[in-house]
């Protein structure tokens, strides 16, 4: 099977923008339990970001920067897609509408994708489909944000550390160079898909909510065996997803330019890529930074392309889990 050509990868990311609030916070300086301090050593994580702003404000900042860098006008955006990683600022609002209003994107329609860390990558697929089937849209603004500091104790949920950040990109079907979307794949869990959760939801009365406990992100497996089953299943979903994206592109591990996995701990890579060890050398994620949910993919791509961009066309895969529910990823083609 031939690798996808430029004609197959028909939509591209015109601009990339990150909103990283303030200076990096040194994780070892944060108060945490002795258990988490030991885990920190294994993850390789060193820095995080923490913001006093809500996720919508961070999203708006990233969106404004992406629009400016694209060279487009507000009237050129036909669709805004937001993909918040955790919750939204007030639980029910649609951040895309706040961005539409804040940037004066009066021609744009709005869509919100609630798919956790995978949401940003799934939105690239949606943007591709909209642009190829509804020509009047012309350009799509995609925005994601992660506000972890108000959803967890000490910036962690017991496994690794998180951060506050936002990212945005403008996607177009207009010809040009840069990052081009080629394919999207996902593999969903068939059990324990809801183990990572906020305990309070519409399954119980507001009177039953204990805010100090029930409004924080937790990972809650029913028993130890269920957690072990999840760990085994996560490896299968990760490698199965990557294999599917390679197959979609007619590629082998050797033909892949770079693999970007979420910053959930360098110590997890040998497990996640235990079958095809060739892929380990392709991982270009900077694991020194805490996990920033859906922001991770664009953050890693931006670091890589700003520091060591390929001189020749290359294929990249960006993949991530969404909670304990699924893995999703995209195949991108980079054209200098």
C-alpha atoms as a PDB file:
ATOM      1  CA  UNK A   1       0.000   0.000   0.000  1.00  0.00           C
ATOM      2  CA  UNK A   2       1.365   3.429  -0.944  1.00  0.00           C
ATOM      3  CA  UNK A   3       1.713   6.127   1.679  1.00  0.00           C
ATOM      4  CA  UNK A   4      -0.877   8.889   1.420  1.00  0.00           C
ATOM      5  CA  UNK A   5       0.137  11.661  -0.935  1.00  0.00           C
ATOM      6  CA  UNK A   6      -0.320  15.376  -0.556  1.00  0.00           C
ATOM      7  CA  UNK A   7      -3.528  14.993  -2.573  1.00  0.00           C
ATOM      8  CA  UNK A   8      -4.894  12.517   0.002  1.00  0.00           C
ATOM      9  CA  UNK A   9      -3.990  14.682   2.990  1.00  0.00           C
ATOM     10  CA  UNK A  10      -6.107  17.602   1.860  1.00  0.00           C
ATOM     11  CA  UNK A  11      -6.539  19.810   4.910  1.00  0.00           C
ATOM     12  CA  UNK A  12      -3.737  21.495   6.818  1.00  0.00           C
ATOM     13  CA  UNK A  13      -3.014  23.290  10.051  1.00  0.00           C
ATOM     14  CA  UNK A  14      -2.401  26.909   9.068  1.00  0.00           C
ATOM     15  CA  UNK A  15      -1.291  28.019  12.517  1.00  0.00           C
ATOM     16  CA  UNK A  16      -0.450  26.643  15.960  1.00  0.00           C
ATOM     17  CA  UNK A  17      -0.769  28.544  19.223  1.00  0.00           C
ATOM     18  CA  UNK A  18      -0.235  27.632  22.866  1.00  0.00           C
ATOM     19  CA  UNK A  19      -1.296  29.453  25.992  1.00  0.00           C
ATOM     20  CA  UNK A  20       1.028  28.476  28.839  1.00  0.00           C
ATOM     21  CA  UNK A  21       0.193  30.615  31.888  1.00  0.00           C
ATOM     22  CA  UNK A  22       3.186  32.211  33.569  1.00  0.00           C
ATOM     23  CA  UNK A  23       6.541  30.628  34.223  1.00  0.00           C
ATOM     24  CA  UNK A  24       6.839  26.833  34.612  1.00  0.00           C
ATOM     25  CA  UNK A  25       6.270  25.592  38.163  1.00  0.00           C
ATOM     26  CA  UNK A  26       8.842  23.094  39.451  1.00  0.00           C
ATOM     27  CA  UNK A  27       6.890  20.000  40.444  1.00  0.00           C
ATOM     28  CA  UNK A  28       9.265  18.990  43.215  1.00  0.00           C
ATOM     29  CA  UNK A  29       8.451  22.294  44.946  1.00  0.00           C
ATOM     30  CA  UNK A  30       4.739  21.430  45.161  1.00  0.00           C
ATOM     31  CA  UNK A  31       3.468  19.902  48.360  1.00  0.00           C
ATOM     32  CA  UNK A  32       2.517  16.267  47.810  1.00  0.00           C
ATOM     33  CA  UNK A  33       2.328  12.918  49.549  1.00  0.00           C
ATOM     34  CA  UNK A  34       5.405  10.762  49.984  1.00  0.00           C
ATOM     35  CA  UNK A  35       3.884   8.219  47.598  1.00  0.00           C
ATOM     36  CA  UNK A  36       3.460  10.810  44.854  1.00  0.00           C
ATOM     37  CA  UNK A  37       6.966  12.133  45.420  1.00  0.00           C
ATOM     38  CA  UNK A  38       8.293   8.641  44.718  1.00  0.00           C
ATOM     39  CA  UNK A  39       6.092   8.373  41.605  1.00  0.00           C
ATOM     40  CA  UNK A  40       7.386  11.730  40.389  1.00  0.00           C
ATOM     41  CA  UNK A  41      10.894  10.294  40.168  1.00  0.00           C
ATOM     42  CA  UNK A  42       9.734   7.594  37.772  1.00  0.00           C
ATOM     43  CA  UNK A  43       7.610   9.784  35.513  1.00  0.00           C
ATOM     44  CA  UNK A  44      10.425  12.096  34.481  1.00  0.00           C
ATOM     45  CA  UNK A  45       8.054  15.026  34.909  1.00  0.00           C
ATOM     46  CA  UNK A  46       9.724  18.197  36.210  1.00  0.00           C
ATOM     47  CA  UNK A  47       7.516  21.179  35.339  1.00  0.00           C
ATOM     48  CA  UNK A  48       3.878  22.157  35.248  1.00  0.00           C
ATOM     49  CA  UNK A  49       1.806  25.295  34.600  1.00  0.00           C
ATOM     50  CA  UNK A  50      -0.812  26.705  36.926  1.00  0.00           C
ATOM     51  CA  UNK A  51      -3.341  29.421  36.135  1.00  0.00           C
ATOM     52  CA  UNK A  52      -5.804  31.533  38.103  1.00  0.00           C
ATOM     53  CA  UNK A  53      -7.896  31.839  34.920  1.00  0.00           C
ATOM     54  CA  UNK A  54     -10.682  29.457  34.000  1.00  0.00           C
ATOM     55  CA  UNK A  55     -10.495  27.160  30.978  1.00  0.00           C
ATOM     56  CA  UNK A  56     -12.631  29.454  28.801  1.00  0.00           C
ATOM     57  CA  UNK A  57     -10.321  32.428  29.380  1.00  0.00           C
ATOM     58  CA  UNK A  58      -7.291  30.298  28.529  1.00  0.00           C
ATOM     59  CA  UNK A  59      -9.066  28.976  25.424  1.00  0.00           C
ATOM     60  CA  UNK A  60      -9.831  32.479  24.256  1.00  0.00           C
ATOM     61  CA  UNK A  61      -6.180  33.512  24.636  1.00  0.00           C
ATOM     62  CA  UNK A  62      -4.965  30.535  22.589  1.00  0.00           C
ATOM     63  CA  UNK A  63      -7.676  31.059  19.964  1.00  0.00           C
ATOM     64  CA  UNK A  64      -6.790  34.732  19.533  1.00  0.00           C
ATOM     65  CA  UNK A  65      -3.118  33.861  18.999  1.00  0.00           C
ATOM     66  CA  UNK A  66      -3.950  31.101  16.487  1.00  0.00           C
ATOM     67  CA  UNK A  67      -6.161  33.454  14.470  1.00  0.00           C
ATOM     68  CA  UNK A  68      -3.488  36.163  14.434  1.00  0.00           C
ATOM     69  CA  UNK A  69      -0.781  33.720  13.330  1.00  0.00           C
ATOM     70  CA  UNK A  70      -2.967  32.337  10.559  1.00  0.00           C
ATOM     71  CA  UNK A  71      -3.073  35.697   8.795  1.00  0.00           C
ATOM     72  CA  UNK A  72      -6.828  35.303   8.378  1.00  0.00           C
ATOM     73  CA  UNK A  73      -9.616  37.682   9.315  1.00  0.00           C
ATOM     74  CA  UNK A  74     -12.508  36.952  11.667  1.00  0.00           C
ATOM     75  CA  UNK A  75     -14.850  36.669   8.676  1.00  0.00           C
ATOM     76  CA  UNK A  76     -12.715  33.844   7.244  1.00  0.00           C
ATOM     77  CA  UNK A  77     -13.600  31.399  10.073  1.00  0.00           C
ATOM     78  CA  UNK A  78     -16.691  29.314   9.304  1.00  0.00           C
ATOM     79  CA  UNK A  79     -16.651  26.966  12.294  1.00  0.00           C
ATOM     80  CA  UNK A  80     -15.295  27.003  15.853  1.00  0.00           C
ATOM     81  CA  UNK A  81     -14.773  23.646  17.576  1.00  0.00           C
ATOM     82  CA  UNK A  82     -13.885  23.529  21.255  1.00  0.00           C
ATOM     83  CA  UNK A  83     -12.638  20.379  22.967  1.00  0.00           C
ATOM     84  CA  UNK A  84     -12.228  20.929  26.731  1.00  0.00           C
ATOM     85  CA  UNK A  85     -10.172  18.205  28.408  1.00  0.00           C
ATOM     86  CA  UNK A  86     -11.923  18.006  31.760  1.00  0.00           C
ATOM     87  CA  UNK A  87     -14.962  20.147  32.454  1.00  0.00           C
ATOM     88  CA  UNK A  88     -15.875  23.652  31.326  1.00  0.00           C
ATOM     89  CA  UNK A  89     -15.672  26.764  33.466  1.00  0.00           C
ATOM     90  CA  UNK A  90     -19.284  26.501  34.658  1.00  0.00           C
ATOM     91  CA  UNK A  91     -20.141  22.962  33.659  1.00  0.00           C
ATOM     92  CA  UNK A  92     -22.820  23.587  31.040  1.00  0.00           C
ATOM     93  CA  UNK A  93     -21.624  26.372  28.743  1.00  0.00           C
ATOM     94  CA  UNK A  94     -20.304  25.874  25.207  1.00  0.00           C
ATOM     95  CA  UNK A  95     -16.813  27.440  25.076  1.00  0.00           C
ATOM     96  CA  UNK A  96     -16.970  27.751  21.280  1.00  0.00           C
ATOM     97  CA  UNK A  97     -19.675  30.381  21.660  1.00  0.00           C
ATOM     98  CA  UNK A  98     -17.536  32.407  24.066  1.00  0.00           C
ATOM     99  CA  UNK A  99     -14.683  32.294  21.532  1.00  0.00           C
ATOM    100  CA  UNK A 100     -16.993  33.200  18.649  1.00  0.00           C
ATOM    101  CA  UNK A 101     -18.187  36.239  20.560  1.00  0.00           C
ATOM    102  CA  UNK A 102     -14.800  37.213  22.003  1.00  0.00           C
ATOM    103  CA  UNK A 103     -13.066  37.196  18.617  1.00  0.00           C
ATOM    104  CA  UNK A 104     -15.996  38.542  16.611  1.00  0.00           C
ATOM    105  CA  UNK A 105     -16.313  35.416  14.463  1.00  0.00           C
ATOM    106  CA  UNK A 106     -19.853  36.275  13.464  1.00  0.00           C
ATOM    107  CA  UNK A 107     -19.896  33.995  10.395  1.00  0.00           C
ATOM    108  CA  UNK A 108     -18.825  30.950  12.385  1.00  0.00           C
ATOM    109  CA  UNK A 109     -20.989  28.113  13.611  1.00  0.00           C
ATOM    110  CA  UNK A 110     -20.108  26.450  16.916  1.00  0.00           C
ATOM    111  CA  UNK A 111     -19.474  22.890  18.073  1.00  0.00           C
ATOM    112  CA  UNK A 112     -18.263  21.489  21.388  1.00  0.00           C
ATOM    113  CA  UNK A 113     -16.609  18.055  21.599  1.00  0.00           C
ATOM    114  CA  UNK A 114     -16.660  16.412  25.048  1.00  0.00           C
ATOM    115  CA  UNK A 115     -14.171  13.576  24.495  1.00  0.00           C
ATOM    116  CA  UNK A 116     -11.493  14.247  27.081  1.00  0.00           C
ATOM    117  CA  UNK A 117      -7.875  14.316  25.931  1.00  0.00           C
ATOM    118  CA  UNK A 118      -8.867  12.746  22.598  1.00  0.00           C
ATOM    119  CA  UNK A 119     -11.237  15.620  21.834  1.00  0.00           C
ATOM    120  CA  UNK A 120      -8.649  17.823  20.129  1.00  0.00           C
ATOM    121  CA  UNK A 121      -7.521  15.023  17.808  1.00  0.00           C
ATOM    122  CA  UNK A 122     -11.102  14.005  17.059  1.00  0.00           C
ATOM    123  CA  UNK A 123     -11.799  17.653  16.215  1.00  0.00           C
ATOM    124  CA  UNK A 124      -9.097  17.551  13.537  1.00  0.00           C
ATOM    125  CA  UNK A 125     -11.044  14.744  11.920  1.00  0.00           C
ATOM    126  CA  UNK A 126     -14.305  16.689  12.155  1.00  0.00           C
ATOM    127  CA  UNK A 127     -12.671  19.798  10.711  1.00  0.00           C
ATOM    128  CA  UNK A 128     -11.338  17.732   7.816  1.00  0.00           C
ATOM    129  CA  UNK A 129     -14.797  16.319   7.084  1.00  0.00           C
ATOM    130  CA  UNK A 130     -16.543  19.687   7.332  1.00  0.00           C
ATOM    131  CA  UNK A 131     -13.999  21.410   5.090  1.00  0.00           C
ATOM    132  CA  UNK A 132     -14.218  18.747   2.384  1.00  0.00           C
ATOM    133  CA  UNK A 133     -18.018  18.526   2.355  1.00  0.00           C
ATOM    134  CA  UNK A 134     -19.150  22.081   3.181  1.00  0.00           C
ATOM    135  CA  UNK A 135     -17.025  24.395   1.071  1.00  0.00           C
ATOM    136  CA  UNK A 136     -18.535  27.571   2.528  1.00  0.00           C
ATOM    137  CA  UNK A 137     -16.885  26.893   5.899  1.00  0.00           C
ATOM    138  CA  UNK A 138     -13.408  27.545   4.432  1.00  0.00           C
ATOM    139  CA  UNK A 139     -11.503  27.577   7.736  1.00  0.00           C
ATOM    140  CA  UNK A 140     -12.041  25.898  11.117  1.00  0.00           C
ATOM    141  CA  UNK A 141     -10.700  27.148  14.453  1.00  0.00           C
ATOM    142  CA  UNK A 142     -10.085  24.305  16.954  1.00  0.00           C
ATOM    143  CA  UNK A 143      -9.390  25.078  20.606  1.00  0.00           C
ATOM    144  CA  UNK A 144      -8.657  22.871  23.599  1.00  0.00           C
ATOM    145  CA  UNK A 145      -7.881  23.626  27.218  1.00  0.00           C
ATOM    146  CA  UNK A 146      -7.035  21.796  30.407  1.00  0.00           C
ATOM    147  CA  UNK A 147      -7.738  23.279  33.827  1.00  0.00           C
ATOM    148  CA  UNK A 148      -6.451  20.668  36.263  1.00  0.00           C
ATOM    149  CA  UNK A 149      -5.448  22.777  39.246  1.00  0.00           C
ATOM    150  CA  UNK A 150      -9.026  23.190  40.497  1.00  0.00           C
ATOM    151  CA  UNK A 151      -9.984  19.578  39.770  1.00  0.00           C
ATOM    152  CA  UNK A 152      -7.220  17.734  41.660  1.00  0.00           C
ATOM    153  CA  UNK A 153      -5.145  17.873  44.814  1.00  0.00           C
ATOM    154  CA  UNK A 154      -1.505  18.843  44.229  1.00  0.00           C
ATOM    155  CA  UNK A 155      -1.945  18.715  40.419  1.00  0.00           C
ATOM    156  CA  UNK A 156      -2.307  14.924  40.351  1.00  0.00           C
ATOM    157  CA  UNK A 157      -4.981  12.217  40.485  1.00  0.00           C
ATOM    158  CA  UNK A 158      -2.702   9.615  42.020  1.00  0.00           C
ATOM    159  CA  UNK A 159      -0.735   8.440  38.971  1.00  0.00           C
ATOM    160  CA  UNK A 160       1.059  11.372  37.324  1.00  0.00           C
ATOM    161  CA  UNK A 161       0.972  15.179  37.286  1.00  0.00           C
ATOM    162  CA  UNK A 162      -1.213  17.543  35.276  1.00  0.00           C
ATOM    163  CA  UNK A 163      -1.022  21.190  34.230  1.00  0.00           C
ATOM    164  CA  UNK A 164      -3.160  24.147  33.150  1.00  0.00           C
ATOM    165  CA  UNK A 165      -2.845  25.242  29.504  1.00  0.00           C
ATOM    166  CA  UNK A 166      -4.684  25.829  26.243  1.00  0.00           C
ATOM    167  CA  UNK A 167      -3.914  25.312  22.565  1.00  0.00           C
ATOM    168  CA  UNK A 168      -5.492  26.239  19.259  1.00  0.00           C
ATOM    169  CA  UNK A 169      -5.067  25.746  15.537  1.00  0.00           C
ATOM    170  CA  UNK A 170      -6.712  26.983  12.367  1.00  0.00           C
ATOM    171  CA  UNK A 171      -7.390  24.252   9.798  1.00  0.00           C
ATOM    172  CA  UNK A 172      -8.021  24.970   6.127  1.00  0.00           C
ATOM    173  CA  UNK A 173      -8.505  23.185   2.822  1.00  0.00           C
ATOM    174  CA  UNK A 174      -6.528  25.886   0.986  1.00  0.00           C
ATOM    175  CA  UNK A 175      -3.305  24.509  -0.548  1.00  0.00           C
ATOM    176  CA  UNK A 176       0.026  25.067   1.149  1.00  0.00           C
ATOM    177  CA  UNK A 177       2.805  23.486   3.179  1.00  0.00           C
ATOM    178  CA  UNK A 178       3.042  22.548   6.845  1.00  0.00           C
ATOM    179  CA  UNK A 179       1.143  19.947   8.869  1.00  0.00           C
ATOM    180  CA  UNK A 180      -1.565  18.103   6.937  1.00  0.00           C
ATOM    181  CA  UNK A 181      -4.272  15.844   8.319  1.00  0.00           C
ATOM    182  CA  UNK A 182      -4.293  12.331   6.842  1.00  0.00           C
ATOM    183  CA  UNK A 183      -6.256   9.969   9.112  1.00  0.00           C
ATOM    184  CA  UNK A 184      -7.909   9.495  12.498  1.00  0.00           C
ATOM    185  CA  UNK A 185      -8.450   6.278  14.447  1.00  0.00           C
ATOM    186  CA  UNK A 186      -9.743   5.357  17.902  1.00  0.00           C
ATOM    187  CA  UNK A 187     -10.072   2.205  19.977  1.00  0.00           C
ATOM    188  CA  UNK A 188     -12.496   2.205  22.901  1.00  0.00           C
ATOM    189  CA  UNK A 189     -12.481   0.176  26.094  1.00  0.00           C
ATOM    190  CA  UNK A 190     -15.179  -2.420  26.675  1.00  0.00           C
ATOM    191  CA  UNK A 191     -14.970  -2.353  30.467  1.00  0.00           C
ATOM    192  CA  UNK A 192     -14.125   0.095  33.263  1.00  0.00           C
ATOM    193  CA  UNK A 193     -14.510   2.932  30.763  1.00  0.00           C
ATOM    194  CA  UNK A 194     -15.829   5.168  33.537  1.00  0.00           C
ATOM    195  CA  UNK A 195     -13.167   4.490  36.174  1.00  0.00           C
ATOM    196  CA  UNK A 196     -11.673   7.960  35.788  1.00  0.00           C
ATOM    197  CA  UNK A 197     -14.431  10.266  36.911  1.00  0.00           C
ATOM    198  CA  UNK A 198     -15.795  13.141  38.900  1.00  0.00           C
ATOM    199  CA  UNK A 199     -17.943  11.328  41.428  1.00  0.00           C
ATOM    200  CA  UNK A 200     -20.833  13.779  41.468  1.00  0.00           C
ATOM    201  CA  UNK A 201     -23.024  13.774  38.356  1.00  0.00           C
ATOM    202  CA  UNK A 202     -26.657  13.462  37.370  1.00  0.00           C
ATOM    203  CA  UNK A 203     -26.847   9.976  38.903  1.00  0.00           C
ATOM    204  CA  UNK A 204     -27.484  11.473  42.323  1.00  0.00           C
ATOM    205  CA  UNK A 205     -29.159  14.421  44.012  1.00  0.00           C
ATOM    206  CA  UNK A 206     -27.167  17.634  44.616  1.00  0.00           C
ATOM    207  CA  UNK A 207     -27.871  17.091  48.319  1.00  0.00           C
ATOM    208  CA  UNK A 208     -25.645  14.012  48.224  1.00  0.00           C
ATOM    209  CA  UNK A 209     -22.610  15.933  46.954  1.00  0.00           C
ATOM    210  CA  UNK A 210     -19.595  16.411  49.194  1.00  0.00           C
ATOM    211  CA  UNK A 211     -17.697  19.153  47.290  1.00  0.00           C
ATOM    212  CA  UNK A 212     -14.381  18.399  49.000  1.00  0.00           C
ATOM    213  CA  UNK A 213     -14.452  14.859  47.606  1.00  0.00           C
ATOM    214  CA  UNK A 214     -17.000  14.573  44.828  1.00  0.00           C
ATOM    215  CA  UNK A 215     -15.929  17.453  42.560  1.00  0.00           C
ATOM    216  CA  UNK A 216     -12.356  16.226  42.054  1.00  0.00           C
ATOM    217  CA  UNK A 217     -11.043  13.942  39.323  1.00  0.00           C
ATOM    218  CA  UNK A 218     -10.324  10.458  40.649  1.00  0.00           C
ATOM    219  CA  UNK A 219      -9.463   7.062  39.220  1.00  0.00           C
ATOM    220  CA  UNK A 220     -11.713   4.561  40.944  1.00  0.00           C
ATOM    221  CA  UNK A 221     -11.518   0.896  39.922  1.00  0.00           C
ATOM    222  CA  UNK A 222     -13.892  -1.469  41.670  1.00  0.00           C
ATOM    223  CA  UNK A 223     -11.057  -3.861  42.556  1.00  0.00           C
ATOM    224  CA  UNK A 224      -7.364  -4.471  42.003  1.00  0.00           C
ATOM    225  CA  UNK A 225      -7.975  -7.017  39.265  1.00  0.00           C
ATOM    226  CA  UNK A 226     -10.003  -4.468  37.285  1.00  0.00           C
ATOM    227  CA  UNK A 227      -7.082  -2.051  37.417  1.00  0.00           C
ATOM    228  CA  UNK A 228      -4.673  -4.733  36.182  1.00  0.00           C
ATOM    229  CA  UNK A 229      -7.052  -5.582  33.341  1.00  0.00           C
ATOM    230  CA  UNK A 230      -7.117  -1.907  32.407  1.00  0.00           C
ATOM    231  CA  UNK A 231      -3.311  -1.682  32.347  1.00  0.00           C
ATOM    232  CA  UNK A 232      -3.110  -4.672  30.001  1.00  0.00           C
ATOM    233  CA  UNK A 233      -5.929  -3.299  27.869  1.00  0.00           C
ATOM    234  CA  UNK A 234      -4.346   0.147  27.627  1.00  0.00           C
ATOM    235  CA  UNK A 235      -1.218  -1.334  26.085  1.00  0.00           C
ATOM    236  CA  UNK A 236      -3.305  -3.221  23.524  1.00  0.00           C
ATOM    237  CA  UNK A 237      -5.349  -0.134  22.659  1.00  0.00           C
ATOM    238  CA  UNK A 238      -2.284   2.084  22.304  1.00  0.00           C
ATOM    239  CA  UNK A 239      -0.358  -0.262  20.033  1.00  0.00           C
ATOM    240  CA  UNK A 240      -3.506  -1.247  18.136  1.00  0.00           C
ATOM    241  CA  UNK A 241      -4.250   2.402  17.469  1.00  0.00           C
ATOM    242  CA  UNK A 242      -0.737   3.110  16.221  1.00  0.00           C
ATOM    243  CA  UNK A 243      -0.840   0.014  14.007  1.00  0.00           C
ATOM    244  CA  UNK A 244      -4.148   1.190  12.551  1.00  0.00           C
ATOM    245  CA  UNK A 245      -2.785   4.632  11.758  1.00  0.00           C
ATOM    246  CA  UNK A 246       0.344   3.170  10.178  1.00  0.00           C
ATOM    247  CA  UNK A 247      -1.858   0.894   8.095  1.00  0.00           C
ATOM    248  CA  UNK A 248      -4.057   3.818   7.053  1.00  0.00           C
ATOM    249  CA  UNK A 249      -0.943   5.513   5.734  1.00  0.00           C
ATOM    250  CA  UNK A 250       0.628   2.423   4.184  1.00  0.00           C
ATOM    251  CA  UNK A 251       3.564   2.929   6.544  1.00  0.00           C
ATOM    252  CA  UNK A 252       5.851   0.815   8.704  1.00  0.00           C
ATOM    253  CA  UNK A 253       7.428   1.799  12.010  1.00  0.00           C
ATOM    254  CA  UNK A 254      10.641   2.619  10.144  1.00  0.00           C
ATOM    255  CA  UNK A 255       8.763   4.965   7.815  1.00  0.00           C
ATOM    256  CA  UNK A 256       7.322   7.022  10.655  1.00  0.00           C
ATOM    257  CA  UNK A 257       9.082  10.328  11.300  1.00  0.00           C
ATOM    258  CA  UNK A 258       7.939  10.887  14.893  1.00  0.00           C
ATOM    259  CA  UNK A 259       5.469   9.586  17.463  1.00  0.00           C
ATOM    260  CA  UNK A 260       3.955  11.948  20.014  1.00  0.00           C
ATOM    261  CA  UNK A 261       2.425  10.327  23.086  1.00  0.00           C
ATOM    262  CA  UNK A 262       0.900  12.183  26.038  1.00  0.00           C
ATOM    263  CA  UNK A 263       3.219  13.306  28.816  1.00  0.00           C
ATOM    264  CA  UNK A 264       1.932  10.783  31.342  1.00  0.00           C
ATOM    265  CA  UNK A 265       5.347   9.485  32.366  1.00  0.00           C
ATOM    266  CA  UNK A 266       8.424   8.349  30.483  1.00  0.00           C
ATOM    267  CA  UNK A 267       8.344   5.194  32.585  1.00  0.00           C
ATOM    268  CA  UNK A 268       5.139   4.079  30.831  1.00  0.00           C
ATOM    269  CA  UNK A 269       6.621   3.957  27.327  1.00  0.00           C
ATOM    270  CA  UNK A 270       8.226   0.484  27.622  1.00  0.00           C
ATOM    271  CA  UNK A 271       4.831  -0.883  28.664  1.00  0.00           C
ATOM    272  CA  UNK A 272       2.758   0.965  26.068  1.00  0.00           C
ATOM    273  CA  UNK A 273       5.167   0.025  23.265  1.00  0.00           C
ATOM    274  CA  UNK A 274       6.149  -3.422  24.498  1.00  0.00           C
ATOM    275  CA  UNK A 275       5.298  -5.308  21.295  1.00  0.00           C
ATOM    276  CA  UNK A 276       6.867  -3.189  18.564  1.00  0.00           C
ATOM    277  CA  UNK A 277       9.987  -1.867  20.244  1.00  0.00           C
ATOM    278  CA  UNK A 278      11.013  -0.029  17.056  1.00  0.00           C
ATOM    279  CA  UNK A 279       8.414   2.604  17.917  1.00  0.00           C
ATOM    280  CA  UNK A 280      10.171   3.587  21.138  1.00  0.00           C
ATOM    281  CA  UNK A 281      12.910   5.380  19.204  1.00  0.00           C
ATOM    282  CA  UNK A 282      10.245   7.384  17.360  1.00  0.00           C
ATOM    283  CA  UNK A 283       8.775   8.939  20.525  1.00  0.00           C
ATOM    284  CA  UNK A 284       9.581  12.663  20.597  1.00  0.00           C
ATOM    285  CA  UNK A 285       7.479  13.764  23.570  1.00  0.00           C
ATOM    286  CA  UNK A 286       9.277  15.917  26.134  1.00  0.00           C
ATOM    287  CA  UNK A 287       8.249  14.079  29.306  1.00  0.00           C
ATOM    288  CA  UNK A 288       9.716  16.760  31.560  1.00  0.00           C
ATOM    289  CA  UNK A 289       6.415  18.616  31.308  1.00  0.00           C
ATOM    290  CA  UNK A 290       3.273  17.594  33.151  1.00  0.00           C
ATOM    291  CA  UNK A 291       0.318  16.213  31.250  1.00  0.00           C
ATOM    292  CA  UNK A 292      -1.885  18.992  29.879  1.00  0.00           C
ATOM    293  CA  UNK A 293      -4.702  16.860  28.537  1.00  0.00           C
ATOM    294  CA  UNK A 294      -5.710  17.647  24.955  1.00  0.00           C
ATOM    295  CA  UNK A 295      -3.017  20.341  24.800  1.00  0.00           C
ATOM    296  CA  UNK A 296      -0.240  17.726  24.855  1.00  0.00           C
ATOM    297  CA  UNK A 297      -0.408  16.841  21.151  1.00  0.00           C
ATOM    298  CA  UNK A 298      -0.007  20.396  19.869  1.00  0.00           C
ATOM    299  CA  UNK A 299       2.491  21.226  22.615  1.00  0.00           C
ATOM    300  CA  UNK A 300       4.740  18.302  21.612  1.00  0.00           C
ATOM    301  CA  UNK A 301       4.377  19.004  17.891  1.00  0.00           C
ATOM    302  CA  UNK A 302       5.196  22.662  18.419  1.00  0.00           C
ATOM    303  CA  UNK A 303       8.312  21.914  20.512  1.00  0.00           C
ATOM    304  CA  UNK A 304       9.545  19.427  17.928  1.00  0.00           C
ATOM    305  CA  UNK A 305       8.911  21.557  14.846  1.00  0.00           C
ATOM    306  CA  UNK A 306      10.407  24.660  16.454  1.00  0.00           C
ATOM    307  CA  UNK A 307      13.588  22.858  17.517  1.00  0.00           C
ATOM    308  CA  UNK A 308      14.315  20.191  14.901  1.00  0.00           C
ATOM    309  CA  UNK A 309      11.958  20.359  11.901  1.00  0.00           C
ATOM    310  CA  UNK A 310      12.500  17.679   9.239  1.00  0.00           C
ATOM    311  CA  UNK A 311      14.131  18.901   6.045  1.00  0.00           C
ATOM    312  CA  UNK A 312      12.079  16.442   3.986  1.00  0.00           C
ATOM    313  CA  UNK A 313       8.385  15.458   4.079  1.00  0.00           C
ATOM    314  CA  UNK A 314       7.641  13.210   7.053  1.00  0.00           C
ATOM    315  CA  UNK A 315       4.738  11.437   8.738  1.00  0.00           C
ATOM    316  CA  UNK A 316       3.847  11.927  12.396  1.00  0.00           C
ATOM    317  CA  UNK A 317       1.429  10.181  14.729  1.00  0.00           C
ATOM    318  CA  UNK A 318      -0.075  11.937  17.747  1.00  0.00           C
ATOM    319  CA  UNK A 319      -2.016   9.666  20.113  1.00  0.00           C
ATOM    320  CA  UNK A 320      -3.534   9.906  23.569  1.00  0.00           C
ATOM    321  CA  UNK A 321      -5.998   8.178  25.894  1.00  0.00           C
ATOM    322  CA  UNK A 322      -9.258   9.779  26.974  1.00  0.00           C
ATOM    323  CA  UNK A 323      -9.666   8.988  30.669  1.00  0.00           C
ATOM    324  CA  UNK A 324      -9.889   5.188  30.998  1.00  0.00           C
ATOM    325  CA  UNK A 325     -12.319   5.044  28.080  1.00  0.00           C
ATOM    326  CA  UNK A 326     -10.363   4.929  24.824  1.00  0.00           C
ATOM    327  CA  UNK A 327      -7.271   5.817  22.818  1.00  0.00           C
ATOM    328  CA  UNK A 328      -7.467   8.129  19.820  1.00  0.00           C
ATOM    329  CA  UNK A 329      -4.873   9.431  17.401  1.00  0.00           C
ATOM    330  CA  UNK A 330      -4.126  11.120  14.096  1.00  0.00           C
ATOM    331  CA  UNK A 331      -1.714  10.573  11.228  1.00  0.00           C
ATOM    332  CA  UNK A 332      -0.202  13.835   9.980  1.00  0.00           C
ATOM    333  CA  UNK A 333       2.046  14.600   7.042  1.00  0.00           C
ATOM    334  CA  UNK A 334       4.593  17.376   7.439  1.00  0.00           C
ATOM    335  CA  UNK A 335       5.680  19.219   4.303  1.00  0.00           C
ATOM    336  CA  UNK A 336       8.450  21.806   4.793  1.00  0.00           C
END
